[in-house]
């Protein structure tokens, strides 16, 4: 079992930056692939990006590529989502997730989820 807790969300103006953190507890976090997802009101949950166990490989959705960066510090059991050049359309609840296999794009493939943190980007 892995418990995930996100933090770092908030209100930011368009063009600004935020860094989200996802802290894991329970089993050894380095054994898990991590993903970030987001869900805006009235929309389906969307894959933002993922990172492999070592942090050496990442993938991103086209909508955030070049603006968002995922990293991890396994010594701190933490995965980060650095969000730059934020847009109004980035407004959503952001959640981290973990699974024991490879990076997956489907939310249903992830076994463990955090509660989410709200990110609101104003114009």
C-alpha atoms as a PDB file:
ATOM      1  CA  UNK A   1       0.000   0.000   0.000  1.00  0.00           C
ATOM      2  CA  UNK A   2       1.108   3.518  -0.842  1.00  0.00           C
ATOM      3  CA  UNK A   3      -0.499   6.689   0.447  1.00  0.00           C
ATOM      4  CA  UNK A   4      -0.104   9.835  -1.632  1.00  0.00           C
ATOM      5  CA  UNK A   5      -0.600  13.429  -0.503  1.00  0.00           C
ATOM      6  CA  UNK A   6      -0.407  16.372  -2.906  1.00  0.00           C
ATOM      7  CA  UNK A   7       0.321  19.956  -1.984  1.00  0.00           C
ATOM      8  CA  UNK A   8       1.306  23.209  -3.624  1.00  0.00           C
ATOM      9  CA  UNK A   9      -1.868  24.138  -5.438  1.00  0.00           C
ATOM     10  CA  UNK A  10      -3.345  27.593  -5.340  1.00  0.00           C
ATOM     11  CA  UNK A  11      -4.358  30.643  -7.315  1.00  0.00           C
ATOM     12  CA  UNK A  12      -1.931  32.082  -9.835  1.00  0.00           C
ATOM     13  CA  UNK A  13      -2.159  34.547 -12.696  1.00  0.00           C
ATOM     14  CA  UNK A  14      -1.778  33.424 -16.281  1.00  0.00           C
ATOM     15  CA  UNK A  15       1.883  33.206 -17.179  1.00  0.00           C
ATOM     16  CA  UNK A  16       2.861  32.363 -13.633  1.00  0.00           C
ATOM     17  CA  UNK A  17       4.323  29.216 -12.103  1.00  0.00           C
ATOM     18  CA  UNK A  18       3.480  26.694  -9.429  1.00  0.00           C
ATOM     19  CA  UNK A  19       5.207  23.587  -8.157  1.00  0.00           C
ATOM     20  CA  UNK A  20       3.121  20.717  -6.914  1.00  0.00           C
ATOM     21  CA  UNK A  21       4.501  18.037  -4.639  1.00  0.00           C
ATOM     22  CA  UNK A  22       3.279  14.522  -4.064  1.00  0.00           C
ATOM     23  CA  UNK A  23       4.637  12.818  -0.969  1.00  0.00           C
ATOM     24  CA  UNK A  24       4.342   9.066  -0.667  1.00  0.00           C
ATOM     25  CA  UNK A  25       4.271   6.964   2.472  1.00  0.00           C
ATOM     26  CA  UNK A  26       4.016   3.283   3.012  1.00  0.00           C
ATOM     27  CA  UNK A  27       6.069   1.065   0.785  1.00  0.00           C
ATOM     28  CA  UNK A  28       9.296   2.050  -0.979  1.00  0.00           C
ATOM     29  CA  UNK A  29       8.294   4.749  -3.432  1.00  0.00           C
ATOM     30  CA  UNK A  30      11.156   4.009  -5.803  1.00  0.00           C
ATOM     31  CA  UNK A  31       9.339   0.805  -6.729  1.00  0.00           C
ATOM     32  CA  UNK A  32       6.509   2.802  -8.289  1.00  0.00           C
ATOM     33  CA  UNK A  33       5.987   4.701 -11.488  1.00  0.00           C
ATOM     34  CA  UNK A  34       4.204   8.008 -10.876  1.00  0.00           C
ATOM     35  CA  UNK A  35       1.745   9.946 -12.959  1.00  0.00           C
ATOM     36  CA  UNK A  36       0.069  13.319 -12.731  1.00  0.00           C
ATOM     37  CA  UNK A  37      -3.521  13.790 -13.838  1.00  0.00           C
ATOM     38  CA  UNK A  38      -5.914  16.709 -13.812  1.00  0.00           C
ATOM     39  CA  UNK A  39      -9.639  17.144 -13.939  1.00  0.00           C
ATOM     40  CA  UNK A  40     -11.431  20.366 -14.758  1.00  0.00           C
ATOM     41  CA  UNK A  41     -15.102  20.907 -13.912  1.00  0.00           C
ATOM     42  CA  UNK A  42     -17.347  19.078 -16.331  1.00  0.00           C
ATOM     43  CA  UNK A  43     -14.427  17.350 -18.042  1.00  0.00           C
ATOM     44  CA  UNK A  44     -12.886  13.912 -17.880  1.00  0.00           C
ATOM     45  CA  UNK A  45      -9.707  13.238 -16.000  1.00  0.00           C
ATOM     46  CA  UNK A  46      -6.721  13.990 -18.221  1.00  0.00           C
ATOM     47  CA  UNK A  47      -3.198  12.576 -18.213  1.00  0.00           C
ATOM     48  CA  UNK A  48      -0.638  15.330 -17.628  1.00  0.00           C
ATOM     49  CA  UNK A  49       2.585  13.341 -17.490  1.00  0.00           C
ATOM     50  CA  UNK A  50       4.454  10.492 -15.899  1.00  0.00           C
ATOM     51  CA  UNK A  51       7.871   9.546 -14.601  1.00  0.00           C
ATOM     52  CA  UNK A  52       9.587   6.203 -14.308  1.00  0.00           C
ATOM     53  CA  UNK A  53      10.956   4.676 -11.105  1.00  0.00           C
ATOM     54  CA  UNK A  54      14.423   6.179 -11.337  1.00  0.00           C
ATOM     55  CA  UNK A  55      13.351   9.556 -12.666  1.00  0.00           C
ATOM     56  CA  UNK A  56      15.362   9.103 -15.851  1.00  0.00           C
ATOM     57  CA  UNK A  57      12.361   8.965 -18.187  1.00  0.00           C
ATOM     58  CA  UNK A  58       9.341  11.227 -18.422  1.00  0.00           C
ATOM     59  CA  UNK A  59       6.408  11.621 -20.774  1.00  0.00           C
ATOM     60  CA  UNK A  60       3.983  14.506 -21.151  1.00  0.00           C
ATOM     61  CA  UNK A  61       0.674  15.318 -22.702  1.00  0.00           C
ATOM     62  CA  UNK A  62       0.982  17.558 -25.739  1.00  0.00           C
ATOM     63  CA  UNK A  63      -1.029  20.245 -23.969  1.00  0.00           C
ATOM     64  CA  UNK A  64       1.684  20.735 -21.313  1.00  0.00           C
ATOM     65  CA  UNK A  65       4.848  19.719 -23.155  1.00  0.00           C
ATOM     66  CA  UNK A  66       7.522  22.384 -22.854  1.00  0.00           C
ATOM     67  CA  UNK A  67       5.741  24.094 -19.951  1.00  0.00           C
ATOM     68  CA  UNK A  68       5.485  21.385 -17.285  1.00  0.00           C
ATOM     69  CA  UNK A  69       8.296  19.267 -15.838  1.00  0.00           C
ATOM     70  CA  UNK A  70       7.988  16.176 -13.686  1.00  0.00           C
ATOM     71  CA  UNK A  71      10.793  15.104 -11.390  1.00  0.00           C
ATOM     72  CA  UNK A  72      11.195  12.917  -8.346  1.00  0.00           C
ATOM     73  CA  UNK A  73      13.394  12.571  -5.293  1.00  0.00           C
ATOM     74  CA  UNK A  74      13.160   8.990  -4.119  1.00  0.00           C
ATOM     75  CA  UNK A  75      15.164   9.785  -0.990  1.00  0.00           C
ATOM     76  CA  UNK A  76      12.307  12.086  -0.010  1.00  0.00           C
ATOM     77  CA  UNK A  77       9.562   9.847  -1.423  1.00  0.00           C
ATOM     78  CA  UNK A  78       8.377  12.830  -3.435  1.00  0.00           C
ATOM     79  CA  UNK A  79       7.333  13.532  -7.002  1.00  0.00           C
ATOM     80  CA  UNK A  80       7.122  17.094  -8.289  1.00  0.00           C
ATOM     81  CA  UNK A  81       5.190  18.825 -11.028  1.00  0.00           C
ATOM     82  CA  UNK A  82       6.745  22.127 -11.996  1.00  0.00           C
ATOM     83  CA  UNK A  83       4.242  24.163 -13.972  1.00  0.00           C
ATOM     84  CA  UNK A  84       5.419  27.229 -15.878  1.00  0.00           C
ATOM     85  CA  UNK A  85       3.695  29.594 -18.292  1.00  0.00           C
ATOM     86  CA  UNK A  86       0.364  28.631 -16.823  1.00  0.00           C
ATOM     87  CA  UNK A  87      -2.775  29.219 -18.844  1.00  0.00           C
ATOM     88  CA  UNK A  88      -6.377  29.664 -17.772  1.00  0.00           C
ATOM     89  CA  UNK A  89      -7.146  26.286 -19.337  1.00  0.00           C
ATOM     90  CA  UNK A  90      -4.727  24.634 -16.907  1.00  0.00           C
ATOM     91  CA  UNK A  91      -7.245  25.251 -14.134  1.00  0.00           C
ATOM     92  CA  UNK A  92      -8.139  21.880 -12.610  1.00  0.00           C
ATOM     93  CA  UNK A  93      -7.738  19.580  -9.663  1.00  0.00           C
ATOM     94  CA  UNK A  94      -4.344  17.932 -10.013  1.00  0.00           C
ATOM     95  CA  UNK A  95      -3.760  14.456  -8.639  1.00  0.00           C
ATOM     96  CA  UNK A  96      -0.778  12.202  -8.469  1.00  0.00           C
ATOM     97  CA  UNK A  97      -1.005   8.467  -8.904  1.00  0.00           C
ATOM     98  CA  UNK A  98       1.294   5.475  -8.639  1.00  0.00           C
ATOM     99  CA  UNK A  99       1.534   2.037 -10.131  1.00  0.00           C
ATOM    100  CA  UNK A 100       4.050  -0.768 -10.053  1.00  0.00           C
ATOM    101  CA  UNK A 101       4.473  -1.206 -13.798  1.00  0.00           C
ATOM    102  CA  UNK A 102       5.386   1.147 -16.663  1.00  0.00           C
ATOM    103  CA  UNK A 103       4.075   4.684 -17.226  1.00  0.00           C
ATOM    104  CA  UNK A 104       0.465   4.524 -18.350  1.00  0.00           C
ATOM    105  CA  UNK A 105      -1.750   7.153 -19.918  1.00  0.00           C
ATOM    106  CA  UNK A 106      -5.020   5.747 -18.618  1.00  0.00           C
ATOM    107  CA  UNK A 107      -6.095   6.744 -15.131  1.00  0.00           C
ATOM    108  CA  UNK A 108      -7.648   3.336 -14.560  1.00  0.00           C
ATOM    109  CA  UNK A 109      -4.192   1.748 -14.843  1.00  0.00           C
ATOM    110  CA  UNK A 110      -3.001   3.391 -11.622  1.00  0.00           C
ATOM    111  CA  UNK A 111      -3.452   1.638  -8.320  1.00  0.00           C
ATOM    112  CA  UNK A 112      -2.914   4.455  -5.847  1.00  0.00           C
ATOM    113  CA  UNK A 113      -4.170   8.028  -5.829  1.00  0.00           C
ATOM    114  CA  UNK A 114      -3.804  11.184  -3.817  1.00  0.00           C
ATOM    115  CA  UNK A 115      -6.739  13.385  -2.874  1.00  0.00           C
ATOM    116  CA  UNK A 116      -5.826  16.120  -5.342  1.00  0.00           C
ATOM    117  CA  UNK A 117      -4.933  19.779  -5.089  1.00  0.00           C
ATOM    118  CA  UNK A 118      -6.727  22.660  -6.769  1.00  0.00           C
ATOM    119  CA  UNK A 119      -4.888  24.825  -9.268  1.00  0.00           C
ATOM    120  CA  UNK A 120      -6.676  27.939 -10.455  1.00  0.00           C
ATOM    121  CA  UNK A 121      -5.195  30.169 -13.130  1.00  0.00           C
ATOM    122  CA  UNK A 122      -6.737  33.602 -13.513  1.00  0.00           C
ATOM    123  CA  UNK A 123      -6.587  35.805 -16.601  1.00  0.00           C
END
